[in-house]
N, C-alpha and C. Protein backbone atom coordinates (compact mmCIF):
# COMPACT_ATOMS: atom_id res chain seq x y z
N MET A 1 -45.17 50.13 130.50
CA MET A 1 -45.91 51.20 129.87
C MET A 1 -46.45 50.72 128.53
N PRO A 2 -47.70 51.08 128.24
CA PRO A 2 -48.29 50.66 126.97
C PRO A 2 -47.78 51.48 125.78
N ILE A 3 -47.89 50.87 124.62
CA ILE A 3 -47.53 51.54 123.37
C ILE A 3 -48.83 51.94 122.68
N TYR A 4 -48.95 53.20 122.34
CA TYR A 4 -50.13 53.72 121.66
C TYR A 4 -49.76 54.06 120.22
N GLU A 5 -50.71 53.86 119.32
CA GLU A 5 -50.52 54.20 117.91
C GLU A 5 -51.37 55.41 117.57
N TYR A 6 -50.77 56.33 116.83
CA TYR A 6 -51.46 57.53 116.37
C TYR A 6 -51.28 57.64 114.86
N GLN A 7 -52.30 58.19 114.19
CA GLN A 7 -52.21 58.44 112.75
C GLN A 7 -52.51 59.91 112.50
N CYS A 8 -51.67 60.51 111.68
CA CYS A 8 -51.84 61.92 111.33
C CYS A 8 -52.97 62.05 110.31
N ASP A 9 -53.90 62.98 110.57
CA ASP A 9 -55.00 63.21 109.64
C ASP A 9 -54.52 63.91 108.37
N ALA A 10 -53.42 64.64 108.44
CA ALA A 10 -52.93 65.41 107.29
C ALA A 10 -52.04 64.56 106.38
N CYS A 11 -51.00 63.93 106.93
CA CYS A 11 -50.04 63.21 106.08
C CYS A 11 -50.23 61.69 106.10
N GLY A 12 -51.02 61.16 107.03
CA GLY A 12 -51.28 59.72 107.10
C GLY A 12 -50.19 58.92 107.78
N GLN A 13 -49.17 59.59 108.30
CA GLN A 13 -48.06 58.94 108.99
C GLN A 13 -48.58 58.26 110.27
N ILE A 14 -48.17 57.01 110.49
CA ILE A 14 -48.54 56.28 111.72
C ILE A 14 -47.33 56.28 112.64
N THR A 15 -47.57 56.66 113.90
CA THR A 15 -46.51 56.77 114.89
C THR A 15 -46.87 55.92 116.11
N GLU A 16 -45.89 55.22 116.66
CA GLU A 16 -46.06 54.49 117.91
C GLU A 16 -45.36 55.26 119.02
N GLU A 17 -46.04 55.43 120.15
CA GLU A 17 -45.46 56.16 121.27
C GLU A 17 -45.65 55.37 122.56
N LEU A 18 -44.59 55.30 123.34
CA LEU A 18 -44.62 54.66 124.65
C LEU A 18 -45.07 55.72 125.66
N GLN A 19 -46.24 55.52 126.28
CA GLN A 19 -46.79 56.50 127.19
C GLN A 19 -47.33 55.83 128.44
N LYS A 20 -47.37 56.58 129.53
CA LYS A 20 -48.01 56.13 130.75
C LYS A 20 -49.53 56.25 130.58
N PHE A 21 -50.26 55.54 131.44
CA PHE A 21 -51.72 55.66 131.40
C PHE A 21 -52.15 57.08 131.73
N SER A 22 -51.41 57.73 132.59
CA SER A 22 -51.77 59.08 133.04
C SER A 22 -51.37 60.18 132.05
N ASP A 23 -50.54 59.86 131.03
CA ASP A 23 -50.12 60.87 130.06
C ASP A 23 -51.29 61.26 129.16
N PRO A 24 -51.39 62.54 128.81
CA PRO A 24 -52.45 62.95 127.88
C PRO A 24 -52.15 62.45 126.48
N PRO A 25 -53.19 62.20 125.66
CA PRO A 25 -52.94 61.73 124.30
C PRO A 25 -52.24 62.80 123.47
N LEU A 26 -51.42 62.33 122.51
CA LEU A 26 -50.73 63.26 121.63
C LEU A 26 -51.73 63.87 120.65
N THR A 27 -51.47 65.13 120.25
CA THR A 27 -52.39 65.82 119.34
C THR A 27 -51.71 66.36 118.10
N THR A 28 -50.37 66.49 118.11
CA THR A 28 -49.66 67.11 116.98
C THR A 28 -48.64 66.13 116.39
N CYS A 29 -48.67 66.00 115.07
CA CYS A 29 -47.75 65.13 114.33
C CYS A 29 -46.34 65.71 114.37
N LYS A 30 -45.34 64.85 114.62
CA LYS A 30 -43.94 65.28 114.65
C LYS A 30 -43.41 65.63 113.26
N HIS A 31 -44.04 65.04 112.21
CA HIS A 31 -43.53 65.19 110.85
C HIS A 31 -44.08 66.45 110.15
N CYS A 32 -45.42 66.64 110.24
CA CYS A 32 -46.01 67.75 109.50
C CYS A 32 -46.81 68.71 110.38
N HIS A 33 -46.87 68.44 111.68
CA HIS A 33 -47.59 69.24 112.67
C HIS A 33 -49.10 69.22 112.44
N GLY A 34 -49.59 68.16 111.80
CA GLY A 34 -51.03 67.99 111.62
C GLY A 34 -51.66 67.37 112.87
N HIS A 35 -52.97 67.19 112.82
CA HIS A 35 -53.71 66.63 113.96
C HIS A 35 -53.58 65.11 114.00
N LEU A 36 -53.32 64.55 115.19
CA LEU A 36 -53.20 63.10 115.37
C LEU A 36 -54.49 62.51 115.91
N SER A 37 -54.82 61.33 115.44
CA SER A 37 -55.94 60.55 115.96
C SER A 37 -55.39 59.25 116.53
N LYS A 38 -55.89 58.86 117.70
CA LYS A 38 -55.43 57.62 118.32
C LYS A 38 -56.06 56.43 117.61
N LEU A 39 -55.25 55.42 117.29
CA LEU A 39 -55.73 54.21 116.63
C LEU A 39 -55.99 53.12 117.65
N ILE A 40 -56.93 52.27 117.34
CA ILE A 40 -57.18 51.09 118.16
C ILE A 40 -56.51 49.92 117.45
N SER A 41 -55.58 49.27 118.14
CA SER A 41 -54.82 48.19 117.51
C SER A 41 -54.97 46.91 118.31
N HIS A 42 -54.50 45.81 117.72
CA HIS A 42 -54.53 44.51 118.39
C HIS A 42 -53.61 44.52 119.60
N SER A 43 -54.04 43.85 120.61
CA SER A 43 -53.25 43.76 121.82
C SER A 43 -52.19 42.68 121.69
N ALA A 44 -51.09 42.85 122.38
CA ALA A 44 -50.03 41.85 122.40
C ALA A 44 -50.18 40.95 123.63
N PHE A 45 -51.38 40.87 124.18
CA PHE A 45 -51.67 40.10 125.37
C PHE A 45 -51.88 38.64 125.00
N HIS A 46 -51.11 37.74 125.61
CA HIS A 46 -51.21 36.31 125.33
C HIS A 46 -51.41 35.57 126.64
N LEU A 47 -52.29 34.58 126.63
CA LEU A 47 -52.51 33.73 127.80
C LEU A 47 -51.49 32.60 127.76
N LYS A 48 -50.66 32.53 128.77
CA LYS A 48 -49.63 31.49 128.83
C LYS A 48 -50.04 30.45 129.87
N GLY A 49 -49.60 29.22 129.66
CA GLY A 49 -49.87 28.15 130.61
C GLY A 49 -51.16 27.42 130.27
N GLY A 50 -51.55 26.50 131.12
CA GLY A 50 -52.73 25.70 130.89
C GLY A 50 -53.91 26.20 131.69
N GLY A 51 -55.07 25.61 131.44
CA GLY A 51 -56.26 25.93 132.19
C GLY A 51 -57.12 27.03 131.59
N TRP A 52 -56.72 27.62 130.48
CA TRP A 52 -57.51 28.66 129.86
C TRP A 52 -58.48 28.03 128.86
N TYR A 53 -59.53 28.74 128.52
CA TYR A 53 -60.54 28.23 127.59
C TYR A 53 -59.92 27.81 126.26
N VAL A 54 -59.02 28.61 125.75
CA VAL A 54 -58.41 28.34 124.45
C VAL A 54 -57.64 27.04 124.45
N SER A 55 -56.90 26.76 125.53
CA SER A 55 -56.04 25.58 125.55
C SER A 55 -56.74 24.34 126.08
N GLU A 56 -57.71 24.50 126.95
CA GLU A 56 -58.31 23.33 127.59
C GLU A 56 -59.68 22.95 127.04
N TYR A 57 -60.53 23.93 126.75
CA TYR A 57 -61.91 23.63 126.41
C TYR A 57 -62.28 23.97 124.97
N GLY A 58 -61.68 24.97 124.41
CA GLY A 58 -62.06 25.44 123.09
C GLY A 58 -61.71 24.50 121.96
N ASN A 59 -60.69 23.67 122.11
CA ASN A 59 -60.24 22.80 121.02
C ASN A 59 -60.53 21.34 121.27
N LYS A 60 -61.44 21.03 122.18
CA LYS A 60 -61.72 19.62 122.46
C LYS A 60 -62.42 18.96 121.29
N LYS A 61 -61.95 17.78 120.96
CA LYS A 61 -62.56 16.99 119.90
C LYS A 61 -63.21 15.78 120.57
N PRO A 62 -64.24 15.23 119.97
CA PRO A 62 -64.86 14.04 120.56
C PRO A 62 -63.84 12.91 120.69
N ASN A 63 -63.99 12.11 121.72
CA ASN A 63 -63.07 11.01 121.98
C ASN A 63 -63.25 9.96 120.89
N SER A 64 -62.22 9.76 120.08
CA SER A 64 -62.31 8.83 118.96
C SER A 64 -61.98 7.40 119.36
N SER A 65 -61.48 7.19 120.59
CA SER A 65 -61.11 5.84 120.99
C SER A 65 -62.33 5.02 121.41
N VAL A 66 -63.42 5.66 121.74
CA VAL A 66 -64.63 4.95 122.12
C VAL A 66 -65.45 4.72 120.87
N SER A 67 -65.78 3.46 120.60
CA SER A 67 -66.57 3.17 119.42
C SER A 67 -67.97 2.76 119.83
N THR A 68 -68.91 3.12 119.02
CA THR A 68 -70.29 2.74 119.28
C THR A 68 -70.61 1.52 118.44
N PRO A 69 -71.67 0.79 118.77
CA PRO A 69 -72.01 -0.40 117.98
C PRO A 69 -72.24 -0.08 116.51
N ALA A 70 -72.71 1.10 116.18
CA ALA A 70 -72.93 1.45 114.78
C ALA A 70 -71.61 1.64 114.04
N ASP A 71 -70.53 1.96 114.79
CA ASP A 71 -69.23 2.20 114.17
C ASP A 71 -68.48 0.92 113.84
N THR A 72 -68.77 -0.18 114.51
CA THR A 72 -68.01 -1.41 114.28
C THR A 72 -68.62 -2.18 113.12
N PRO A 73 -67.81 -2.60 112.17
CA PRO A 73 -68.33 -3.37 111.03
C PRO A 73 -68.79 -4.75 111.47
N ALA A 74 -69.66 -5.34 110.68
CA ALA A 74 -70.24 -6.64 111.01
C ALA A 74 -69.18 -7.74 111.04
N ALA A 75 -68.13 -7.63 110.25
CA ALA A 75 -67.10 -8.66 110.20
C ALA A 75 -66.29 -8.69 111.50
N ASP A 76 -66.22 -7.56 112.18
CA ASP A 76 -65.46 -7.52 113.42
C ASP A 76 -66.22 -8.05 114.61
N LYS A 77 -67.52 -8.18 114.48
CA LYS A 77 -68.32 -8.65 115.60
C LYS A 77 -68.13 -10.14 115.79
N LYS A 78 -68.07 -10.55 117.04
CA LYS A 78 -67.95 -11.98 117.34
C LYS A 78 -69.32 -12.62 117.23
N PRO A 79 -69.39 -13.84 116.70
CA PRO A 79 -70.70 -14.50 116.62
C PRO A 79 -71.20 -14.81 118.03
N GLU A 80 -72.50 -14.83 118.13
CA GLU A 80 -73.10 -15.15 119.43
C GLU A 80 -72.69 -16.56 119.85
N ALA A 81 -72.39 -16.72 121.11
CA ALA A 81 -71.99 -18.04 121.61
C ALA A 81 -73.19 -18.97 121.54
N ALA A 82 -72.97 -20.13 120.95
CA ALA A 82 -74.06 -21.10 120.83
C ALA A 82 -74.28 -21.74 122.19
N ALA A 83 -75.52 -22.08 122.44
CA ALA A 83 -75.84 -22.72 123.72
C ALA A 83 -75.19 -24.10 123.72
N THR A 84 -74.40 -24.38 124.73
CA THR A 84 -73.72 -25.67 124.80
C THR A 84 -74.26 -26.44 125.99
N THR A 85 -74.30 -27.73 125.83
CA THR A 85 -74.75 -28.59 126.94
C THR A 85 -73.51 -29.24 127.52
N THR A 86 -73.49 -29.33 128.78
CA THR A 86 -72.35 -29.97 129.43
C THR A 86 -72.75 -31.36 129.87
N ALA A 87 -71.82 -32.24 129.81
CA ALA A 87 -72.08 -33.61 130.26
C ALA A 87 -72.17 -33.60 131.78
N PRO A 88 -73.03 -34.47 132.34
CA PRO A 88 -73.13 -34.50 133.79
C PRO A 88 -71.79 -34.93 134.40
N ALA A 89 -71.51 -34.37 135.50
CA ALA A 89 -70.23 -34.65 136.18
C ALA A 89 -70.19 -36.14 136.57
N ALA A 90 -69.01 -36.71 136.50
CA ALA A 90 -68.87 -38.13 136.85
C ALA A 90 -69.14 -38.29 138.33
N ASN A 91 -69.80 -39.38 138.65
CA ASN A 91 -70.18 -39.65 140.02
C ASN A 91 -68.97 -40.27 140.73
N SER A 92 -68.47 -39.66 141.73
CA SER A 92 -67.31 -40.17 142.44
C SER A 92 -67.68 -41.17 143.52
N ASP A 93 -69.00 -41.45 143.71
CA ASP A 93 -69.44 -42.36 144.76
C ASP A 93 -69.30 -43.81 144.32
N ALA A 94 -69.08 -44.14 143.13
CA ALA A 94 -69.11 -45.50 142.64
C ALA A 94 -67.98 -46.32 143.04
């Protein structure tokens, strides 16, 4: 059963009442017999487990392990391999 909050228009007292959905709203304050108004309050509804937007998609940060060429400093770059010439293979027919 949900908990509803009511505030008295006369004395300002806030009351919480456990009611069924089918129960009519309260209209009279228990303290001063003034008129009650139903308050809209925050829900105690929480999404548990994985797969929800809040836990899976809403907090994604860019992948910091992948670096782009602009991110790597020049000192870390390997020098280009110089063109090397290889000696001709020894002739085994001799």
